[in-house]
């Protein structure tokens, strides 16, 4: 979606982080992906229930809502794989996305698993390595499992597409889903990695799409800070960072970097000095505006769209544009702007985990119109990611036909 607004203002770029290794298609015929089109016929948005990074979470069972930093991607049980339709009462079997070795196992009686946040889980150290120098082998953890197949103790060999166990609801969760966690390990410890580095919109368009449509609102600007609202389609779940840069100023909120500090902290959104990020619910079945109406009473006062915010700082979510779709919406405030701040010299940047997308300079200027600008639509010049060891062996999805 492009913008026709003219005039001075923040320049907007959308770009993807390049890496060196292309995606390799799966080669094993017994391993299946969810049927194309089975996730959602209108919006490709039912596969991921929650994404890696900042989020607002509503817990219906306890009637609470809070901001936290999600260190994985949650996958729905409502999928079709190999001609079989699964759901919460009959969850899909989960398979290893790679060949490797069982690196860690958490298992035991249900009563014990319910006391653990991750629940029943298994982590595989893949034979494949990240292409980023020093990142080492890919670590993939499958959490909240209903059970773990026999013969998978720590140290056991795992083949690609080998059954791990059924999706479940063990641990601290109120619904059946798979929490997919990706990590890397080096001499300093184990670090979180955006799981969408393992998926490719070119070969898996039924799961996610390349960054294209977007809308940006400049909600507020004063002498020392500026507030933006960014909306992207629900199927663009691969956002890695948002930043603002200009003469003598550069701030960047990188999801992987923040995950090192966030841990299980709740209602803390200022991990980066000079940047506050407010994430709204990842919408699943509702459009962004409807979900806002449903959850707005739960948003704490710092949220710009919270009814508890002071009148001068209250920016409700309007019913227009991408907000009438299941969009992923974040507000971000950049502070400590220099005294000679000139918006025409600054660029707002959205970055994802994939390869190069053409950048665009779109003006964003204050007005009463809701849509202030947009990140330029564009196609990948090359699909590249941060995974692979040069052997030509690709990862697979997490479902297998019975």
Protein backbone atom coordinates (compact mmCIF):
# COMPACT_ATOMS: atom_id res chain seq x y z
CA UNK A 1 0.00 0.00 0.00
CA UNK A 2 1.52 3.29 -1.03
CA UNK A 3 0.79 6.77 0.20
CA UNK A 4 -0.17 9.83 -1.82
CA UNK A 5 0.54 12.33 0.96
CA UNK A 6 3.08 14.98 0.08
CA UNK A 7 5.04 17.42 2.15
CA UNK A 8 7.89 17.35 4.68
CA UNK A 9 8.11 14.62 7.25
CA UNK A 10 9.76 11.44 8.41
CA UNK A 11 11.05 9.20 5.66
CA UNK A 12 9.95 5.60 5.94
CA UNK A 13 11.91 2.56 4.90
CA UNK A 14 11.01 -1.07 4.97
CA UNK A 15 13.86 -3.48 4.59
CA UNK A 16 14.85 -7.03 5.33
CA UNK A 17 17.99 -8.31 6.96
CA UNK A 18 20.11 -10.22 4.44
CA UNK A 19 21.94 -13.43 5.15
CA UNK A 20 23.90 -15.83 3.01
CA UNK A 21 21.98 -19.07 2.61
CA UNK A 22 18.94 -19.76 0.47
CA UNK A 23 16.01 -21.92 1.51
CA UNK A 24 16.15 -25.58 0.54
CA UNK A 25 12.89 -27.34 -0.24
CA UNK A 26 12.06 -30.42 1.78
CA UNK A 27 12.85 -33.67 -0.01
CA UNK A 28 11.25 -36.35 2.16
CA UNK A 29 7.84 -37.35 0.73
CA UNK A 30 6.38 -38.54 4.05
CA UNK A 31 6.66 -35.09 5.58
CA UNK A 32 3.75 -32.76 4.86
CA UNK A 33 2.97 -29.10 5.21
CA UNK A 34 -0.50 -27.83 6.07
CA UNK A 35 -2.62 -27.82 2.93
CA UNK A 36 -2.36 -24.52 1.09
CA UNK A 37 -5.43 -22.42 1.68
CA UNK A 38 -6.53 -24.51 4.65
CA UNK A 39 -5.32 -22.02 7.21
CA UNK A 40 -7.58 -19.18 6.10
CA UNK A 41 -9.19 -18.40 2.80
CA UNK A 42 -9.21 -14.63 3.30
CA UNK A 43 -6.24 -13.80 5.49
CA UNK A 44 -3.24 -16.08 5.89
CA UNK A 45 -3.39 -15.73 9.64
CA UNK A 46 -4.48 -18.89 11.42
CA UNK A 47 -1.13 -20.67 11.57
CA UNK A 48 0.55 -18.40 14.12
CA UNK A 49 -1.43 -17.59 17.26
CA UNK A 50 1.28 -15.41 18.76
CA UNK A 51 4.60 -14.22 17.40
CA UNK A 52 8.13 -13.72 18.67
CA UNK A 53 8.60 -10.33 20.24
CA UNK A 54 6.54 -7.77 22.13
CA UNK A 55 2.88 -8.57 22.63
CA UNK A 56 -0.16 -7.76 24.72
CA UNK A 57 -1.62 -10.94 26.17
CA UNK A 58 -5.17 -11.37 27.44
CA UNK A 59 -5.76 -14.34 29.75
CA UNK A 60 -9.48 -15.07 29.74
CA UNK A 61 -9.27 -17.71 32.48
CA UNK A 62 -7.99 -15.16 35.01
CA UNK A 63 -9.47 -12.05 33.37
CA UNK A 64 -6.15 -10.22 33.18
CA UNK A 65 -4.12 -8.60 30.45
CA UNK A 66 -0.49 -7.64 30.38
CA UNK A 67 2.45 -6.69 28.15
CA UNK A 68 5.26 -9.20 27.85
CA UNK A 69 7.99 -10.30 25.47
CA UNK A 70 7.24 -13.62 23.78
CA UNK A 71 10.35 -15.70 23.19
CA UNK A 72 8.90 -18.03 20.57
CA UNK A 73 6.05 -18.43 18.08
CA UNK A 74 2.79 -20.14 19.03
CA UNK A 75 1.20 -22.39 16.41
CA UNK A 76 -2.50 -23.27 16.28
CA UNK A 77 -3.89 -26.84 16.41
CA UNK A 78 -6.43 -25.88 13.72
CA UNK A 79 -4.55 -27.09 10.65
CA UNK A 80 -4.96 -29.50 7.77
CA UNK A 81 -1.97 -31.72 7.05
CA UNK A 82 -1.75 -34.65 4.69
CA UNK A 83 -5.48 -34.45 4.02
CA UNK A 84 -6.36 -34.67 7.73
CA UNK A 85 -7.95 -31.78 9.62
CA UNK A 86 -6.82 -31.31 13.22
CA UNK A 87 -8.20 -29.19 16.04
CA UNK A 88 -7.86 -28.72 19.80
CA UNK A 89 -9.71 -31.93 20.69
CA UNK A 90 -7.67 -33.89 18.16
CA UNK A 91 -4.34 -32.04 17.97
CA UNK A 92 -1.78 -32.61 15.22
CA UNK A 93 1.35 -34.71 15.68
CA UNK A 94 4.58 -32.73 15.79
CA UNK A 95 7.71 -33.80 13.94
CA UNK A 96 11.30 -32.66 14.09
CA UNK A 97 12.01 -29.92 11.57
CA UNK A 98 15.59 -31.17 11.22
CA UNK A 99 17.90 -34.10 11.73
CA UNK A 100 20.04 -33.85 14.82
CA UNK A 101 20.37 -34.87 18.45
CA UNK A 102 18.03 -34.46 21.42
CA UNK A 103 19.64 -31.64 23.37
CA UNK A 104 17.20 -31.35 26.28
CA UNK A 105 14.06 -33.15 27.48
CA UNK A 106 11.50 -32.06 30.06
CA UNK A 107 9.00 -34.83 30.76
CA UNK A 108 7.16 -36.45 33.64
CA UNK A 109 3.72 -36.89 35.17
CA UNK A 110 1.08 -34.37 34.14
CA UNK A 111 0.92 -33.05 37.71
CA UNK A 112 4.60 -32.11 37.53
CA UNK A 113 4.43 -30.71 34.01
CA UNK A 114 1.61 -28.36 35.00
CA UNK A 115 3.97 -26.64 37.43
CA UNK A 116 6.42 -25.70 34.66
CA UNK A 117 5.99 -22.73 32.37
CA UNK A 118 7.24 -24.60 29.30
CA UNK A 119 5.37 -27.77 30.13
CA UNK A 120 6.46 -30.98 28.47
CA UNK A 121 9.14 -30.09 25.93
CA UNK A 122 11.96 -31.43 23.79
CA UNK A 123 14.85 -29.53 22.21
CA UNK A 124 16.78 -30.74 19.16
CA UNK A 125 20.28 -29.60 18.23
CA UNK A 126 20.13 -29.66 14.45
CA UNK A 127 22.90 -30.89 12.19
CA UNK A 128 22.42 -27.62 10.31
CA UNK A 129 24.17 -24.49 11.48
CA UNK A 130 23.16 -20.87 11.24
CA UNK A 131 24.87 -19.07 8.37
CA UNK A 132 25.72 -16.16 10.66
CA UNK A 133 29.37 -16.62 11.72
CA UNK A 134 29.70 -17.82 15.30
CA UNK A 135 26.04 -18.70 15.77
CA UNK A 136 26.66 -22.44 15.72
CA UNK A 137 24.02 -25.17 15.30
CA UNK A 138 20.30 -24.45 15.16
CA UNK A 139 18.47 -25.35 18.38
CA UNK A 140 14.72 -25.95 18.04
CA UNK A 141 12.50 -26.53 21.09
CA UNK A 142 8.94 -27.88 20.95
CA UNK A 143 7.01 -26.89 24.08
CA UNK A 144 3.63 -27.62 25.76
CA UNK A 145 3.57 -31.10 24.19
CA UNK A 146 0.83 -33.54 25.15
CA UNK A 147 3.36 -36.39 25.27
CA UNK A 148 6.85 -37.28 24.06
CA UNK A 149 7.44 -40.35 21.95
CA UNK A 150 9.36 -43.23 23.54
CA UNK A 151 13.03 -43.56 22.72
CA UNK A 152 13.88 -39.85 22.79
CA UNK A 153 16.10 -39.33 25.83
CA UNK A 154 18.74 -36.61 25.88
CA UNK A 155 21.49 -37.54 23.44
CA UNK A 156 19.25 -39.66 21.19
CA UNK A 157 19.54 -39.29 17.42
CA UNK A 158 16.55 -37.64 15.70
CA UNK A 159 15.82 -37.79 11.99
CA UNK A 160 14.07 -35.10 9.99
CA UNK A 161 10.29 -35.70 10.07
CA UNK A 162 10.59 -38.10 13.02
CA UNK A 163 7.56 -37.96 15.29
CA UNK A 164 8.19 -36.10 18.56
CA UNK A 165 4.71 -36.18 20.07
CA UNK A 166 1.26 -34.58 19.86
CA UNK A 167 0.63 -30.88 20.32
CA UNK A 168 -0.73 -30.29 23.82
CA UNK A 169 -1.48 -27.88 26.64
CA UNK A 170 1.03 -28.91 29.31
CA UNK A 171 2.58 -26.25 31.50
CA UNK A 172 1.37 -22.71 32.01
CA UNK A 173 -1.15 -22.38 29.21
CA UNK A 174 -4.92 -22.43 28.89
CA UNK A 175 -5.15 -23.76 25.34
CA UNK A 176 -3.66 -26.40 23.07
CA UNK A 177 -0.84 -25.03 20.92
CA UNK A 178 2.82 -25.53 20.04
CA UNK A 179 5.31 -23.03 21.37
CA UNK A 180 8.14 -23.17 18.84
CA UNK A 181 11.38 -21.79 20.23
CA UNK A 182 14.59 -21.32 18.23
CA UNK A 183 17.95 -20.67 19.85
CA UNK A 184 21.66 -20.50 19.24
CA UNK A 185 24.52 -21.25 21.59
CA UNK A 186 27.98 -19.74 21.88
CA UNK A 187 30.66 -19.30 24.51
CA UNK A 188 28.55 -16.67 26.31
CA UNK A 189 25.44 -18.83 26.64
CA UNK A 190 22.19 -19.66 24.85
CA UNK A 191 20.37 -16.91 22.94
CA UNK A 192 16.88 -16.57 21.48
CA UNK A 193 16.46 -16.40 17.71
CA UNK A 194 13.37 -15.27 15.80
CA UNK A 195 11.65 -18.56 14.76
CA UNK A 196 10.55 -17.06 11.45
CA UNK A 197 14.16 -17.33 10.30
CA UNK A 198 13.24 -20.98 9.67
CA UNK A 199 10.33 -20.21 7.34
CA UNK A 200 10.32 -18.75 3.83
CA UNK A 201 7.42 -16.77 2.33
CA UNK A 202 8.50 -17.77 -1.19
CA UNK A 203 8.06 -21.51 -0.61
CA UNK A 204 5.47 -21.31 2.18
CA UNK A 205 2.99 -18.58 1.17
CA UNK A 206 0.26 -20.43 3.07
CA UNK A 207 2.10 -19.63 6.30
CA UNK A 208 3.35 -16.07 5.87
CA UNK A 209 3.90 -13.44 3.21
CA UNK A 210 6.74 -11.10 2.31
CA UNK A 211 6.51 -7.60 3.75
CA UNK A 212 4.32 -5.47 1.52
CA UNK A 213 1.29 -3.52 2.76
CA UNK A 214 1.69 -1.34 5.82
CA UNK A 215 0.37 1.86 7.33
CA UNK A 216 2.08 4.38 9.57
CA UNK A 217 0.51 7.06 11.73
CA UNK A 218 2.44 9.89 13.33
CA UNK A 219 0.34 10.29 16.46
CA UNK A 220 2.33 12.84 18.39
CA UNK A 221 5.42 14.97 18.21
CA UNK A 222 6.87 17.43 20.67
CA UNK A 223 10.24 18.93 21.42
CA UNK A 224 11.79 15.74 22.77
CA UNK A 225 9.89 12.74 21.41
CA UNK A 226 7.76 11.38 18.59
CA UNK A 227 5.10 8.66 18.63
CA UNK A 228 4.22 6.37 15.70
CA UNK A 229 1.58 3.71 15.19
CA UNK A 230 2.58 0.96 12.73
CA UNK A 231 0.17 -1.61 11.26
CA UNK A 232 1.22 -4.56 9.11
CA UNK A 233 -0.83 -7.53 7.87
CA UNK A 234 -1.19 -10.46 10.26
CA UNK A 235 0.63 -12.74 7.82
CA UNK A 236 3.78 -10.60 8.05
CA UNK A 237 4.88 -12.20 11.32
CA UNK A 238 8.59 -11.88 10.64
CA UNK A 239 9.26 -8.36 11.98
CA UNK A 240 12.64 -8.16 13.66
CA UNK A 241 13.18 -4.49 14.52
CA UNK A 242 11.87 -0.95 14.30
CA UNK A 243 14.14 2.07 14.37
CA UNK A 244 14.48 5.81 13.82
CA UNK A 245 17.66 7.44 12.56
CA UNK A 246 18.80 10.90 11.56
CA UNK A 247 21.68 13.36 12.09
CA UNK A 248 23.22 12.62 15.46
CA UNK A 249 20.43 10.23 16.44
CA UNK A 250 19.83 6.50 16.06
CA UNK A 251 17.50 4.27 18.08
CA UNK A 252 16.65 0.68 17.27
CA UNK A 253 14.38 -1.79 19.04
CA UNK A 254 15.67 -5.20 17.92
CA UNK A 255 13.45 -8.08 19.05
CA UNK A 256 16.27 -10.63 19.30
CA UNK A 257 18.42 -8.20 21.27
CA UNK A 258 15.59 -7.27 23.63
CA UNK A 259 14.79 -10.94 24.24
CA UNK A 260 18.16 -11.20 26.00
CA UNK A 261 16.89 -8.76 28.65
CA UNK A 262 13.15 -9.39 28.75
CA UNK A 263 13.03 -12.87 30.29
CA UNK A 264 9.56 -13.24 31.88
CA UNK A 265 9.17 -9.58 32.83
CA UNK A 266 5.64 -8.24 32.46
CA UNK A 267 4.42 -4.72 31.79
CA UNK A 268 7.93 -3.49 31.01
CA UNK A 269 8.36 -1.98 27.56
CA UNK A 270 11.40 0.27 27.87
CA UNK A 271 14.29 -2.16 27.51
CA UNK A 272 16.02 0.23 25.08
CA UNK A 273 16.90 3.70 26.37
CA UNK A 274 14.89 6.30 24.51
CA UNK A 275 12.42 3.81 22.99
CA UNK A 276 9.05 2.68 24.35
CA UNK A 277 7.18 0.03 22.40
CA UNK A 278 3.51 -0.85 22.94
CA UNK A 279 2.34 -4.01 21.17
CA UNK A 280 -1.34 -4.69 20.65
CA UNK A 281 -2.87 -8.20 20.54
CA UNK A 282 -1.93 -10.53 17.72
CA UNK A 283 -5.41 -10.85 16.38
CA UNK A 284 -6.05 -14.40 15.17
CA UNK A 285 -9.75 -14.40 14.21
CA UNK A 286 -10.64 -10.75 14.88
CA UNK A 287 -9.71 -7.67 12.90
CA UNK A 288 -7.47 -5.19 14.72
CA UNK A 289 -10.22 -2.66 15.40
CA UNK A 290 -12.60 -5.30 16.80
CA UNK A 291 -9.88 -6.78 18.99
CA UNK A 292 -9.08 -3.29 20.26
CA UNK A 293 -12.69 -2.76 21.30
CA UNK A 294 -12.69 -6.16 22.98
CA UNK A 295 -9.47 -5.62 24.97
CA UNK A 296 -9.15 -1.87 25.42
CA UNK A 297 -10.31 -1.89 29.05
CA UNK A 298 -7.33 -4.13 29.87
CA UNK A 299 -4.65 -1.88 28.37
CA UNK A 300 -2.62 -0.17 31.12
CA UNK A 301 -2.37 3.60 31.30
CA UNK A 302 0.96 3.92 29.41
CA UNK A 303 -0.64 2.51 26.25
CA UNK A 304 -1.51 5.36 23.86
CA UNK A 305 -4.80 3.59 22.98
CA UNK A 306 -5.74 2.96 26.61
CA UNK A 307 -8.89 4.74 27.83
CA UNK A 308 -6.94 5.29 31.06
CA UNK A 309 -4.44 7.54 29.28
CA UNK A 310 -4.73 11.30 29.88
CA UNK A 311 -7.00 12.99 27.36
CA UNK A 312 -4.13 14.74 25.59
CA UNK A 313 -2.23 11.44 25.26
CA UNK A 314 -5.15 9.20 24.26
CA UNK A 315 -5.01 7.86 20.70
CA UNK A 316 -7.77 5.27 20.15
CA UNK A 317 -7.57 2.84 17.27
CA UNK A 318 -9.71 4.06 14.33
CA UNK A 319 -11.85 1.84 12.13
CA UNK A 320 -10.10 2.23 8.80
CA UNK A 321 -7.38 0.88 6.53
CA UNK A 322 -5.39 -2.12 7.71
CA UNK A 323 -7.03 -1.79 11.13
CA UNK A 324 -10.14 -3.35 9.57
CA UNK A 325 -8.09 -6.51 8.87
CA UNK A 326 -6.29 -8.86 11.31
CA UNK A 327 -3.31 -6.50 11.39
CA UNK A 328 -0.40 -6.61 13.82
CA UNK A 329 -0.22 -3.16 15.43
CA UNK A 330 2.50 -1.55 17.51
CA UNK A 331 2.95 1.96 18.88
CA UNK A 332 6.53 3.13 19.34
CA UNK A 333 7.75 6.32 21.01
CA UNK A 334 11.25 7.61 20.33
CA UNK A 335 12.58 10.02 22.95
CA UNK A 336 15.62 12.20 23.56
CA UNK A 337 15.42 13.84 20.13
CA UNK A 338 18.14 16.45 19.54
CA UNK A 339 17.16 20.12 19.96
CA UNK A 340 17.63 20.78 16.23
CA UNK A 341 15.47 17.81 15.25
CA UNK A 342 14.30 18.13 11.62
CA UNK A 343 11.76 15.43 10.62
CA UNK A 344 12.70 15.69 6.95
CA UNK A 345 16.15 14.33 7.84
CA UNK A 346 14.91 11.27 9.73
CA UNK A 347 14.00 7.78 8.53
CA UNK A 348 11.67 5.34 10.25
CA UNK A 349 12.75 1.78 9.46
CA UNK A 350 10.99 -1.55 9.77
CA UNK A 351 13.22 -4.60 9.40
CA UNK A 352 12.36 -8.27 9.02
CA UNK A 353 14.39 -11.48 9.08
CA UNK A 354 14.54 -12.12 5.31
CA UNK A 355 16.29 -10.80 2.19
CA UNK A 356 16.38 -7.45 0.45
CA UNK A 357 13.18 -5.48 -0.20
CA UNK A 358 13.30 -2.18 -2.13
CA UNK A 359 13.21 0.81 0.20
CA UNK A 360 11.07 3.89 -0.23
CA UNK A 361 11.04 7.39 1.21
CA UNK A 362 7.42 8.20 1.97
CA UNK A 363 6.59 11.52 3.66
CA UNK A 364 4.80 11.40 6.99
CA UNK A 365 3.33 14.66 8.20
CA UNK A 366 0.82 15.60 10.89
CA UNK A 367 -2.80 15.94 9.85
CA UNK A 368 -6.19 14.72 11.00
CA UNK A 369 -6.18 11.99 8.37
CA UNK A 370 -5.55 8.58 9.90
CA UNK A 371 -3.08 7.27 7.35
CA UNK A 372 0.10 9.33 7.53
CA UNK A 373 2.27 7.16 5.31
CA UNK A 374 3.26 3.64 4.47
CA UNK A 375 6.26 1.43 4.11
CA UNK A 376 6.70 0.83 0.42
CA UNK A 377 5.39 -2.43 -1.00
CA UNK A 378 7.97 -4.52 -2.76
CA UNK A 379 9.15 -8.00 -3.62
CA UNK A 380 12.18 -9.90 -2.48
CA UNK A 381 15.14 -9.63 -4.81
CA UNK A 382 16.45 -12.79 -3.19
CA UNK A 383 15.07 -15.07 -0.54
CA UNK A 384 17.88 -15.52 1.92
CA UNK A 385 17.91 -16.41 5.59
CA UNK A 386 20.25 -16.96 8.49
CA UNK A 387 20.15 -20.75 8.36
CA UNK A 388 21.95 -23.50 6.54
CA UNK A 389 25.29 -25.26 6.52
CA UNK A 390 25.86 -25.36 2.78
CA UNK A 391 24.88 -29.03 2.46
CA UNK A 392 21.62 -28.39 0.63
CA UNK A 393 19.56 -30.05 3.38
CA UNK A 394 16.43 -28.05 4.15
CA UNK A 395 14.25 -27.83 7.22
CA UNK A 396 10.64 -28.99 7.18
CA UNK A 397 7.45 -27.83 8.82
CA UNK A 398 6.20 -29.29 12.07
CA UNK A 399 3.30 -31.48 10.91
CA UNK A 400 3.31 -34.98 9.47
CA UNK A 401 0.63 -37.05 7.77
CA UNK A 402 -0.56 -40.06 9.81
